[in-house]
Amino acid sequence: MAPATALIIGATGFVGGHLCELLATKHPQLRLLCLMRDTTPQKANDLNKLNPSVEIVEGTLEDSAIISAAAEKVDVVIHVAHSDYAPSVQAVLAGLRKRASTDSHRTPIYQHMSGLGVIADNVRGEKVDFVKEWTDVGFRLDDCPKDNTHLASDRQILEAGTRSQDGIQTAILFPGLIYGHGKTPRSGAWVPFYSTFAKAAGHAGTWGPVEVSQYCIHVRDVAAAVLCVLGYLLEDATRGGSDGLCKQIQLDDVLTRELIEDGCSLRDVPGTDHVMA
């Protein structure tokens, strides 16, 4: 049975608005609880326009008791807000652990948006002699520079996903620099960051001597990635190892259905899974 209730933290934010809209189309059966700061009728109405299934939980990332209590009542938590705010992560994990201890028939799911800051090398535009290449094959959080951003929260989530008692099914996504326009009046963290420097200097510029590049991903693609992974989690199509990392994702009807709905044509290739034509 697919989980029926999900708590979204960051629903009114940059990624969250797109996610709520996509959930209305892809998973209309989900009952959504959305954390909202300083709730007003206008803000609640704007969110309901994106997804009519939304129910508001009034609170902020600082309200650990509210977050924990809400997480204890749901089957899925999707955190796409401030990924480095540890108290909110701890509150989610505490609530889901209580949920896991009282429901032996269904493992709660925690999907968390982190970022590629975990592998940052602190290069500031200068040329470097060696650039480490990272891949998801054999990736371990312990291999990341220990002081990098996101790791403190990610390690807690990994621990929750690997423990044998009161376990939680966890998934962490690591998007690059996110750009684009939000569904709510939000533009993400980096556009204001760079525009502040540009306004102060009187012109836009480059970062350092421009010997390196930084990859970007559109906010809509991030939301779509969260949605795709959620589909696998709901269908129990993932297989995790004892280290908490995914060892196998079956290309089953979940992905096939989403590709068809997105307008892709598929053909069967002998000896392979479905391949886009």
Protein backbone atom coordinates (compact mmCIF):
# COMPACT_ATOMS: atom_id res chain seq x y z
CA MET A 1 0.00 0.00 0.00
CA ALA A 2 1.40 3.40 -0.99
CA PRO A 3 1.81 5.88 1.87
CA ALA A 4 -1.13 8.26 2.11
CA THR A 5 0.23 11.27 4.00
CA ALA A 6 3.34 13.40 3.45
CA LEU A 7 4.83 16.35 5.32
CA ILE A 8 6.66 18.86 3.15
CA ILE A 9 9.14 21.19 4.81
CA GLY A 10 9.91 24.09 2.50
CA ALA A 11 6.65 23.92 0.52
CA THR A 12 6.52 27.70 0.09
CA GLY A 13 10.18 27.92 -0.88
CA PHE A 14 12.16 27.87 -4.10
CA VAL A 15 12.01 24.13 -4.86
CA GLY A 16 8.96 23.40 -2.71
CA GLY A 17 6.48 25.38 -4.80
CA HIS A 18 7.39 23.46 -7.95
CA LEU A 19 7.30 20.19 -6.02
CA CYS A 20 3.81 20.84 -4.65
CA GLU A 21 2.54 21.57 -8.15
CA LEU A 22 4.12 18.41 -9.59
CA LEU A 23 2.75 16.27 -6.74
CA ALA A 24 -0.77 17.38 -7.60
CA THR A 25 -0.34 15.81 -11.05
CA LYS A 26 1.85 12.80 -10.32
CA HIS A 27 0.64 11.77 -6.86
CA PRO A 28 -2.82 13.27 -6.33
CA GLN A 29 -3.60 10.51 -3.81
CA LEU A 30 -1.12 11.95 -1.33
CA ARG A 31 -2.53 14.04 1.50
CA LEU A 32 -0.02 16.86 2.01
CA LEU A 33 0.80 18.63 5.25
CA CYS A 34 2.93 21.71 4.57
CA LEU A 35 4.88 23.69 7.15
CA MET A 36 4.23 27.40 6.71
CA ARG A 37 5.77 30.40 8.47
CA ASP A 38 3.57 33.42 9.30
CA THR A 39 0.46 31.93 7.71
CA THR A 40 -1.97 34.32 6.04
CA PRO A 41 -5.11 33.54 3.98
CA GLN A 42 -3.29 34.79 0.87
CA LYS A 43 -0.25 32.55 1.41
CA ALA A 44 -2.44 29.53 2.13
CA ASN A 45 -4.57 30.26 -0.95
CA ASP A 46 -1.48 30.58 -3.16
CA LEU A 47 -0.24 27.18 -2.01
CA ASN A 48 -3.65 25.59 -2.51
CA LYS A 49 -3.67 26.86 -6.09
CA LEU A 50 -0.52 24.81 -6.67
CA ASN A 51 -1.97 21.75 -4.96
CA PRO A 52 -5.53 21.55 -3.60
CA SER A 53 -4.56 18.65 -1.29
CA VAL A 54 -2.44 20.91 0.92
CA GLU A 55 -3.19 21.30 4.62
CA ILE A 56 -1.24 23.94 6.51
CA VAL A 57 0.86 23.22 9.60
CA GLU A 58 1.77 26.61 10.99
CA GLY A 59 5.35 26.81 12.20
CA THR A 60 8.98 27.48 11.31
CA LEU A 61 12.18 25.48 11.08
CA GLU A 62 12.86 26.53 14.66
CA ASP A 63 9.67 24.86 15.93
CA SER A 64 11.11 21.44 16.67
CA ALA A 65 8.11 20.24 18.68
CA ILE A 66 5.69 21.08 15.86
CA ILE A 67 7.87 19.41 13.22
CA SER A 68 8.44 16.29 15.33
CA ALA A 69 4.73 15.92 16.12
CA ALA A 70 3.78 16.32 12.45
CA ALA A 71 6.46 13.84 11.30
CA GLU A 72 5.18 11.28 13.78
CA LYS A 73 1.76 11.33 12.06
CA VAL A 74 2.86 10.93 8.42
CA ASP A 75 4.28 8.23 6.18
CA VAL A 76 6.67 10.47 4.25
CA VAL A 77 8.66 13.61 5.06
CA ILE A 78 10.19 15.64 2.22
CA HIS A 79 12.64 18.31 3.40
CA VAL A 80 13.49 20.84 0.67
CA ALA A 81 14.10 23.83 2.94
CA HIS A 82 17.36 24.92 4.62
CA SER A 83 19.31 21.66 4.49
CA ASP A 84 21.92 22.78 7.01
CA TYR A 85 19.50 23.74 9.77
CA ALA A 86 20.21 20.80 12.07
CA PRO A 87 17.32 21.26 14.57
CA SER A 88 14.71 20.76 11.84
CA VAL A 89 16.46 17.59 10.64
CA GLN A 90 16.72 16.27 14.17
CA ALA A 91 13.04 17.00 14.77
CA VAL A 92 12.06 15.09 11.61
CA LEU A 93 14.20 12.10 12.58
CA ALA A 94 12.79 12.06 16.12
CA GLY A 95 9.20 12.12 14.85
CA LEU A 96 9.76 9.42 12.24
CA ARG A 97 11.55 7.24 14.76
CA LYS A 98 8.48 7.37 16.99
CA ARG A 99 6.36 6.53 13.96
CA ALA A 100 8.57 3.55 13.13
CA SER A 101 8.38 2.25 16.70
CA THR A 102 4.58 2.21 16.67
CA ASP A 103 3.92 0.90 13.15
CA SER A 104 5.71 -2.34 12.32
CA HIS A 105 3.87 -2.75 9.00
CA ARG A 106 5.16 0.37 7.28
CA THR A 107 8.62 1.92 7.30
CA PRO A 108 8.45 5.73 7.25
CA ILE A 109 10.28 7.56 4.48
CA TYR A 110 12.51 10.62 4.78
CA GLN A 111 13.59 12.35 1.56
CA HIS A 112 16.10 15.15 2.10
CA MET A 113 17.59 17.69 -0.30
CA SER A 114 21.25 18.30 0.47
CA GLY A 115 23.69 19.68 -2.11
CA LEU A 116 26.98 19.18 -3.90
CA GLY A 117 28.63 21.36 -1.28
CA VAL A 118 29.52 18.06 0.39
CA ILE A 119 32.28 17.58 -2.19
CA ALA A 120 33.37 21.22 -2.52
CA ASP A 121 37.12 21.83 -2.85
CA ASN A 122 37.02 25.55 -1.95
CA VAL A 123 38.54 26.58 -5.29
CA ARG A 124 37.99 30.30 -5.93
CA GLY A 125 38.50 30.44 -9.67
CA GLU A 126 42.22 29.75 -9.77
CA LYS A 127 43.72 26.95 -11.84
CA VAL A 128 44.48 23.76 -9.91
CA ASP A 129 46.76 20.90 -10.89
CA PHE A 130 44.44 18.10 -9.79
CA VAL A 131 40.65 17.99 -9.72
CA LYS A 132 39.14 15.01 -7.95
CA GLU A 133 36.39 13.32 -9.93
CA TRP A 134 33.39 12.11 -7.95
CA THR A 135 30.84 9.48 -8.88
CA ASP A 136 27.87 7.94 -7.13
CA VAL A 137 29.52 4.53 -7.55
CA GLY A 138 31.31 3.83 -4.28
CA PHE A 139 30.46 7.29 -2.92
CA ARG A 140 30.75 7.66 0.86
CA LEU A 141 30.06 10.70 3.01
CA ASP A 142 33.20 9.87 4.99
CA ASP A 143 35.27 10.54 1.85
CA CYS A 144 34.09 14.17 1.68
CA PRO A 145 36.21 16.97 3.18
CA LYS A 146 35.16 16.80 6.82
CA ASP A 147 34.34 20.49 7.25
CA ASN A 148 32.15 20.81 4.15
CA THR A 149 28.61 22.11 4.28
CA HIS A 150 25.58 19.77 4.61
CA LEU A 151 27.56 16.87 6.12
CA ALA A 152 26.42 17.35 9.72
CA SER A 153 22.78 16.83 8.75
CA ASP A 154 23.46 14.19 6.10
CA ARG A 155 25.38 11.97 8.53
CA GLN A 156 22.44 11.99 10.95
CA ILE A 157 20.10 10.96 8.16
CA LEU A 158 22.47 8.20 7.03
CA GLU A 159 22.60 6.83 10.57
CA ALA A 160 18.80 6.75 10.76
CA GLY A 161 18.63 4.88 7.47
CA THR A 162 21.10 2.18 8.52
CA ARG A 163 20.08 1.35 12.08
CA SER A 164 18.39 -2.00 12.63
CA GLN A 165 15.78 -0.89 15.17
CA ASP A 166 13.12 1.76 14.45
CA GLY A 167 14.71 2.28 11.05
CA ILE A 168 13.69 4.86 8.49
CA GLN A 169 13.92 4.56 4.71
CA THR A 170 16.04 7.56 3.74
CA ALA A 171 17.03 9.23 0.48
CA ILE A 172 19.38 12.20 0.14
CA LEU A 173 19.61 14.21 -3.10
CA PHE A 174 22.67 16.30 -3.97
CA PRO A 175 21.77 18.95 -6.57
CA GLY A 176 24.28 21.47 -7.87
CA LEU A 177 23.77 25.25 -7.97
CA ILE A 178 20.02 25.77 -8.45
CA TYR A 179 18.71 28.58 -10.64
CA GLY A 180 15.37 29.67 -12.08
CA HIS A 181 12.16 31.20 -10.79
CA GLY A 182 10.11 29.82 -7.94
CA LYS A 183 6.36 29.38 -7.93
CA THR A 184 6.26 31.64 -4.91
CA PRO A 185 8.19 34.96 -4.80
CA ARG A 186 11.50 33.21 -4.17
CA SER A 187 14.59 33.02 -6.38
CA GLY A 188 16.77 30.75 -4.30
CA ALA A 189 19.87 31.65 -2.34
CA TRP A 190 22.43 32.26 -5.07
CA VAL A 191 20.73 34.85 -7.28
CA PRO A 192 20.41 37.35 -4.40
CA PHE A 193 23.95 36.44 -3.30
CA TYR A 194 25.52 37.26 -6.67
CA SER A 195 23.24 40.21 -7.42
CA THR A 196 24.26 41.86 -4.15
CA PHE A 197 27.91 41.84 -5.28
CA ALA A 198 26.96 43.06 -8.75
CA LYS A 199 24.96 45.98 -7.36
CA ALA A 200 27.79 46.96 -5.02
CA ALA A 201 30.36 46.86 -7.85
CA GLY A 202 28.09 48.51 -10.40
CA HIS A 203 28.51 45.66 -12.89
CA ALA A 204 28.35 41.88 -13.15
CA GLY A 205 31.65 40.02 -13.21
CA THR A 206 33.41 36.71 -12.85
CA TRP A 207 34.57 34.73 -9.86
CA GLY A 208 38.37 34.77 -9.69
CA PRO A 209 40.51 34.21 -12.79
CA VAL A 210 37.83 31.93 -14.36
CA GLU A 211 39.95 28.78 -14.59
CA VAL A 212 37.17 26.56 -13.26
CA SER A 213 33.46 26.18 -13.90
CA GLN A 214 30.44 25.43 -11.77
CA TYR A 215 27.52 23.33 -12.88
CA CYS A 216 23.94 24.51 -12.47
CA ILE A 217 20.55 22.81 -12.48
CA HIS A 218 17.15 24.39 -13.04
CA VAL A 219 14.78 24.46 -10.08
CA ARG A 220 12.09 22.62 -12.04
CA ASP A 221 14.53 19.79 -12.75
CA VAL A 222 15.40 19.53 -9.07
CA ALA A 223 11.71 19.25 -8.18
CA ALA A 224 11.26 16.63 -10.90
CA ALA A 225 14.21 14.64 -9.51
CA VAL A 226 12.69 14.71 -6.02
CA LEU A 227 9.43 13.50 -7.52
CA CYS A 228 11.09 10.68 -9.49
CA VAL A 229 12.97 9.36 -6.45
CA LEU A 230 9.79 9.62 -4.39
CA GLY A 231 8.05 7.42 -6.96
CA TYR A 232 10.65 4.70 -6.41
CA LEU A 233 10.36 5.00 -2.65
CA LEU A 234 6.57 4.75 -2.72
CA GLU A 235 6.73 1.70 -4.96
CA ASP A 236 9.48 0.16 -2.81
CA ALA A 237 11.66 -0.12 -5.92
CA THR A 238 14.93 0.79 -4.19
CA ARG A 239 17.41 -1.60 -2.63
CA GLY A 240 19.77 -0.15 -0.04
CA GLY A 241 22.99 -1.62 1.29
CA SER A 242 24.16 -1.81 4.88
CA ASP A 243 26.15 1.40 4.35
CA GLY A 244 22.94 3.29 3.60
CA LEU A 245 23.68 3.77 -0.09
CA CYS A 246 21.46 2.58 -2.88
CA LYS A 247 22.83 -0.56 -4.51
CA GLN A 248 20.07 -1.13 -7.06
CA ILE A 249 17.19 0.78 -8.55
CA GLN A 250 14.93 -1.35 -10.68
CA LEU A 251 13.78 0.29 -13.90
CA ASP A 252 10.18 -0.77 -13.48
CA ASP A 253 6.76 0.67 -14.19
CA VAL A 254 7.44 3.72 -12.02
CA LEU A 255 10.08 5.23 -14.29
CA THR A 256 8.51 3.86 -17.48
CA ARG A 257 5.18 5.46 -16.63
CA GLU A 258 6.81 8.81 -15.86
CA LEU A 259 8.80 8.82 -19.10
CA ILE A 260 5.66 8.09 -21.13
CA GLU A 261 3.69 10.78 -19.32
CA ASP A 262 6.51 13.23 -20.09
CA GLY A 263 6.14 12.53 -23.80
CA CYS A 264 9.07 10.15 -24.36
CA SER A 265 8.76 7.19 -26.71
CA LEU A 266 10.19 3.89 -25.54
CA ARG A 267 11.38 0.82 -27.36
CA ASP A 268 12.57 -2.49 -26.02
CA VAL A 269 16.19 -3.36 -26.74
CA PRO A 270 17.16 -7.05 -26.35
CA GLY A 271 19.33 -7.57 -23.27
CA THR A 272 18.63 -4.14 -21.80
CA ASP A 273 15.95 -2.26 -19.91
CA HIS A 274 13.76 0.28 -21.65
CA VAL A 275 15.74 2.81 -23.67
CA MET A 276 14.48 6.15 -24.93
CA ALA A 277 14.21 6.19 -28.70
